[in-house]
Amino acid sequence: MAESDKATVIVVMANIAQALSHPTRLRILELLRGEGAYVMDLTEWTGRPQANISQHLAILRDAGLVVAEREGMAVRYRIKDDRVFDVMEKMKVLAEAQIASGAVSRMEQSPKFQKMMQKCKGGKMPRGRKMWKKW
């Protein structure tokens, strides 16, 4: 592989990692598993404002993780490549290992961690869906 190709791969990896670096975006990806969803559904299920969900979807779309499909006047978002769930599962295993080793206790003391925990809470369980079913 040429050096410029390696650089491109690294930049794309960093872009994907950045897109996966927010609890709301991870939650959105999980909610899109299967048939996808509309922004209004994601808004209801996460308890977040429509503008906020749209911003997160734009980041996920720019990273190539989701696609928007127009259905008349509405837009349904879907996962572009299910391999993103393999990445999320590996991240989950790593996170669980850090929790088990006690590494998270230091993180929990930071205001940023507390803020992210608050963002992750809330919202409603989608009807007929098993949110975080593997978790």
C-alpha atoms as a PDB file:
ATOM      1  CA  MET A   1       0.000   0.000   0.000  1.00  0.00           C
ATOM      2  CA  ALA A   2       1.343   3.412  -0.956  1.00  0.00           C
ATOM      3  CA  GLU A   3       2.180   5.881   1.806  1.00  0.00           C
ATOM      4  CA  SER A   4      -0.558   8.271   0.641  1.00  0.00           C
ATOM      5  CA  ASP A   5      -3.088   5.403   0.770  1.00  0.00           C
ATOM      6  CA  LYS A   6      -2.035   4.630   4.354  1.00  0.00           C
ATOM      7  CA  ALA A   7      -2.552   8.271   5.279  1.00  0.00           C
ATOM      8  CA  THR A   8      -6.027   8.201   3.744  1.00  0.00           C
ATOM      9  CA  VAL A   9      -6.933   5.089   5.728  1.00  0.00           C
ATOM     10  CA  ILE A  10      -5.713   6.688   8.961  1.00  0.00           C
ATOM     11  CA  VAL A  11      -7.707   9.876   8.329  1.00  0.00           C
ATOM     12  CA  VAL A  12     -10.864   7.880   7.535  1.00  0.00           C
ATOM     13  CA  MET A  13     -10.330   5.776  10.689  1.00  0.00           C
ATOM     14  CA  ALA A  14     -10.000   8.938  12.773  1.00  0.00           C
ATOM     15  CA  ASN A  15     -13.166  10.359  11.212  1.00  0.00           C
ATOM     16  CA  ILE A  16     -15.108   7.186  12.051  1.00  0.00           C
ATOM     17  CA  ALA A  17     -13.689   7.148  15.592  1.00  0.00           C
ATOM     18  CA  GLN A  18     -14.716  10.763  16.075  1.00  0.00           C
ATOM     19  CA  ALA A  19     -18.244   9.976  14.873  1.00  0.00           C
ATOM     20  CA  LEU A  20     -18.424   7.121  17.385  1.00  0.00           C
ATOM     21  CA  SER A  21     -17.113   9.271  20.239  1.00  0.00           C
ATOM     22  CA  HIS A  22     -20.465  10.553  21.544  1.00  0.00           C
ATOM     23  CA  PRO A  23     -23.017   8.595  23.616  1.00  0.00           C
ATOM     24  CA  THR A  24     -25.954  10.040  21.674  1.00  0.00           C
ATOM     25  CA  ARG A  25     -24.477   8.944  18.347  1.00  0.00           C
ATOM     26  CA  LEU A  26     -23.829   5.428  19.669  1.00  0.00           C
ATOM     27  CA  ARG A  27     -27.423   5.311  20.858  1.00  0.00           C
ATOM     28  CA  ILE A  28     -28.686   6.563  17.486  1.00  0.00           C
ATOM     29  CA  LEU A  29     -26.717   3.853  15.675  1.00  0.00           C
ATOM     30  CA  GLU A  30     -28.226   1.204  17.910  1.00  0.00           C
ATOM     31  CA  LEU A  31     -31.712   2.609  17.326  1.00  0.00           C
ATOM     32  CA  LEU A  32     -31.156   2.511  13.559  1.00  0.00           C
ATOM     33  CA  ARG A  33     -30.313  -1.198  13.698  1.00  0.00           C
ATOM     34  CA  GLY A  34     -32.635  -3.116  11.403  1.00  0.00           C
ATOM     35  CA  GLU A  35     -35.115  -1.061   9.412  1.00  0.00           C
ATOM     36  CA  GLY A  36     -33.790   2.386  10.329  1.00  0.00           C
ATOM     37  CA  ALA A  37     -35.872   5.270  11.639  1.00  0.00           C
ATOM     38  CA  TYR A  38     -37.115   8.796  11.007  1.00  0.00           C
ATOM     39  CA  VAL A  39     -35.725  11.842  12.826  1.00  0.00           C
ATOM     40  CA  MET A  40     -39.008  12.299  14.707  1.00  0.00           C
ATOM     41  CA  ASP A  41     -38.727   8.719  16.021  1.00  0.00           C
ATOM     42  CA  LEU A  42     -35.128   9.258  17.131  1.00  0.00           C
ATOM     43  CA  THR A  43     -36.166  12.511  18.818  1.00  0.00           C
ATOM     44  CA  GLU A  44     -38.867  10.740  20.788  1.00  0.00           C
ATOM     45  CA  TRP A  45     -36.754   7.710  21.686  1.00  0.00           C
ATOM     46  CA  THR A  46     -33.730   9.696  22.845  1.00  0.00           C
ATOM     47  CA  GLY A  47     -35.558  12.607  24.464  1.00  0.00           C
ATOM     48  CA  ARG A  48     -33.276  15.003  22.556  1.00  0.00           C
ATOM     49  CA  PRO A  49     -34.394  18.012  20.464  1.00  0.00           C
ATOM     50  CA  GLN A  50     -34.859  17.507  16.717  1.00  0.00           C
ATOM     51  CA  ALA A  51     -32.078  19.953  15.859  1.00  0.00           C
ATOM     52  CA  ASN A  52     -29.650  18.042  18.089  1.00  0.00           C
ATOM     53  CA  ILE A  53     -30.557  14.684  16.530  1.00  0.00           C
ATOM     54  CA  SER A  54     -30.167  16.183  13.043  1.00  0.00           C
ATOM     55  CA  GLN A  55     -26.681  17.440  13.938  1.00  0.00           C
ATOM     56  CA  HIS A  56     -25.650  14.008  15.210  1.00  0.00           C
ATOM     57  CA  LEU A  57     -27.081  12.350  12.084  1.00  0.00           C
ATOM     58  CA  ALA A  58     -25.089  14.758   9.900  1.00  0.00           C
ATOM     59  CA  ILE A  59     -21.877  13.722  11.669  1.00  0.00           C
ATOM     60  CA  LEU A  60     -22.737  10.040  11.238  1.00  0.00           C
ATOM     61  CA  ARG A  61     -23.621  10.608   7.580  1.00  0.00           C
ATOM     62  CA  ASP A  62     -20.388  12.544   6.923  1.00  0.00           C
ATOM     63  CA  ALA A  63     -18.436   9.642   8.447  1.00  0.00           C
ATOM     64  CA  GLY A  64     -20.193   7.247   6.060  1.00  0.00           C
ATOM     65  CA  LEU A  65     -21.947   5.341   8.836  1.00  0.00           C
ATOM     66  CA  VAL A  66     -25.559   6.157   7.932  1.00  0.00           C
ATOM     67  CA  VAL A  67     -27.480   6.972   4.779  1.00  0.00           C
ATOM     68  CA  ALA A  68     -30.574   9.125   4.348  1.00  0.00           C
ATOM     69  CA  GLU A  69     -33.314   7.770   2.097  1.00  0.00           C
ATOM     70  CA  ARG A  70     -36.106  10.081   1.025  1.00  0.00           C
ATOM     71  CA  GLU A  71     -39.577   8.560   1.330  1.00  0.00           C
ATOM     72  CA  GLY A  72     -41.967  11.186  -0.010  1.00  0.00           C
ATOM     73  CA  MET A  73     -41.715  14.151   2.345  1.00  0.00           C
ATOM     74  CA  ALA A  74     -39.928  12.149   5.056  1.00  0.00           C
ATOM     75  CA  VAL A  75     -36.342  10.921   5.343  1.00  0.00           C
ATOM     76  CA  ARG A  76     -35.513   7.549   6.831  1.00  0.00           C
ATOM     77  CA  TYR A  77     -32.005   7.022   8.173  1.00  0.00           C
ATOM     78  CA  ARG A  78     -30.394   3.606   7.916  1.00  0.00           C
ATOM     79  CA  ILE A  79     -27.072   2.035   8.792  1.00  0.00           C
ATOM     80  CA  LYS A  80     -24.810   2.050   5.734  1.00  0.00           C
ATOM     81  CA  ASP A  81     -22.662  -0.906   6.791  1.00  0.00           C
ATOM     82  CA  ASP A  82     -23.579  -3.303   9.604  1.00  0.00           C
ATOM     83  CA  ARG A  83     -19.873  -3.795  10.369  1.00  0.00           C
ATOM     84  CA  VAL A  84     -20.190  -0.682  12.528  1.00  0.00           C
ATOM     85  CA  PHE A  85     -21.878  -2.943  15.093  1.00  0.00           C
ATOM     86  CA  ASP A  86     -18.775  -5.170  15.138  1.00  0.00           C
ATOM     87  CA  VAL A  87     -16.723  -2.088  16.038  1.00  0.00           C
ATOM     88  CA  MET A  88     -19.253  -1.089  18.704  1.00  0.00           C
ATOM     89  CA  GLU A  89     -19.164  -4.603  20.192  1.00  0.00           C
ATOM     90  CA  LYS A  90     -15.354  -4.482  20.413  1.00  0.00           C
ATOM     91  CA  MET A  91     -15.610  -1.061  22.079  1.00  0.00           C
ATOM     92  CA  LYS A  92     -18.129  -2.501  24.548  1.00  0.00           C
ATOM     93  CA  VAL A  93     -15.778  -5.378  25.445  1.00  0.00           C
ATOM     94  CA  LEU A  94     -12.923  -2.909  25.980  1.00  0.00           C
ATOM     95  CA  ALA A  95     -15.145  -0.646  28.110  1.00  0.00           C
ATOM     96  CA  GLU A  96     -16.279  -3.584  30.250  1.00  0.00           C
ATOM     97  CA  ALA A  97     -12.636  -4.591  30.773  1.00  0.00           C
ATOM     98  CA  GLN A  98     -11.792  -1.057  31.898  1.00  0.00           C
ATOM     99  CA  ILE A  99     -14.751  -1.051  34.295  1.00  0.00           C
ATOM    100  CA  ALA A 100     -13.711  -4.427  35.712  1.00  0.00           C
ATOM    101  CA  SER A 101     -10.120  -3.264  36.197  1.00  0.00           C
ATOM    102  CA  GLY A 102     -11.215  -0.156  38.101  1.00  0.00           C
ATOM    103  CA  ALA A 103      -9.955   2.267  35.467  1.00  0.00           C
ATOM    104  CA  VAL A 104     -13.359   3.913  35.244  1.00  0.00           C
ATOM    105  CA  SER A 105     -13.437   5.013  38.898  1.00  0.00           C
ATOM    106  CA  ARG A 106     -10.967   7.789  38.045  1.00  0.00           C
ATOM    107  CA  MET A 107     -12.968   8.750  34.963  1.00  0.00           C
ATOM    108  CA  GLU A 108     -16.199   8.926  36.981  1.00  0.00           C
ATOM    109  CA  GLN A 109     -14.770  11.785  39.017  1.00  0.00           C
ATOM    110  CA  SER A 110     -14.410  14.064  36.006  1.00  0.00           C
ATOM    111  CA  PRO A 111     -17.166  16.580  35.187  1.00  0.00           C
ATOM    112  CA  LYS A 112     -16.981  15.535  31.520  1.00  0.00           C
ATOM    113  CA  PHE A 113     -17.781  11.923  32.432  1.00  0.00           C
ATOM    114  CA  GLN A 114     -20.709  13.020  34.592  1.00  0.00           C
ATOM    115  CA  LYS A 115     -22.054  15.218  31.790  1.00  0.00           C
ATOM    116  CA  MET A 116     -21.818  12.347  29.305  1.00  0.00           C
ATOM    117  CA  MET A 117     -23.645  10.050  31.723  1.00  0.00           C
ATOM    118  CA  GLN A 118     -26.481  12.568  31.959  1.00  0.00           C
ATOM    119  CA  LYS A 119     -26.687  12.804  28.165  1.00  0.00           C
ATOM    120  CA  CYS A 120     -26.864   9.033  27.895  1.00  0.00           C
ATOM    121  CA  LYS A 121     -29.834   8.768  30.255  1.00  0.00           C
ATOM    122  CA  GLY A 122     -33.395   9.614  29.321  1.00  0.00           C
ATOM    123  CA  GLY A 123     -35.568   9.004  26.318  1.00  0.00           C
ATOM    124  CA  LYS A 124     -38.154   6.290  25.829  1.00  0.00           C
ATOM    125  CA  MET A 125     -37.915   2.692  24.768  1.00  0.00           C
ATOM    126  CA  PRO A 126     -39.119   2.430  21.168  1.00  0.00           C
ATOM    127  CA  ARG A 127     -42.267   0.361  20.800  1.00  0.00           C
ATOM    128  CA  GLY A 128     -41.512  -3.042  19.404  1.00  0.00           C
ATOM    129  CA  ARG A 129     -37.755  -2.514  19.558  1.00  0.00           C
ATOM    130  CA  LYS A 130     -35.200  -3.936  21.903  1.00  0.00           C
ATOM    131  CA  MET A 131     -32.841  -1.054  22.570  1.00  0.00           C
ATOM    132  CA  TRP A 132     -29.302  -2.157  23.352  1.00  0.00           C
ATOM    133  CA  LYS A 133     -30.587  -5.723  23.007  1.00  0.00           C
ATOM    134  CA  LYS A 134     -27.115  -7.251  23.250  1.00  0.00           C
ATOM    135  CA  TRP A 135     -26.317  -5.206  26.339  1.00  0.00           C
END
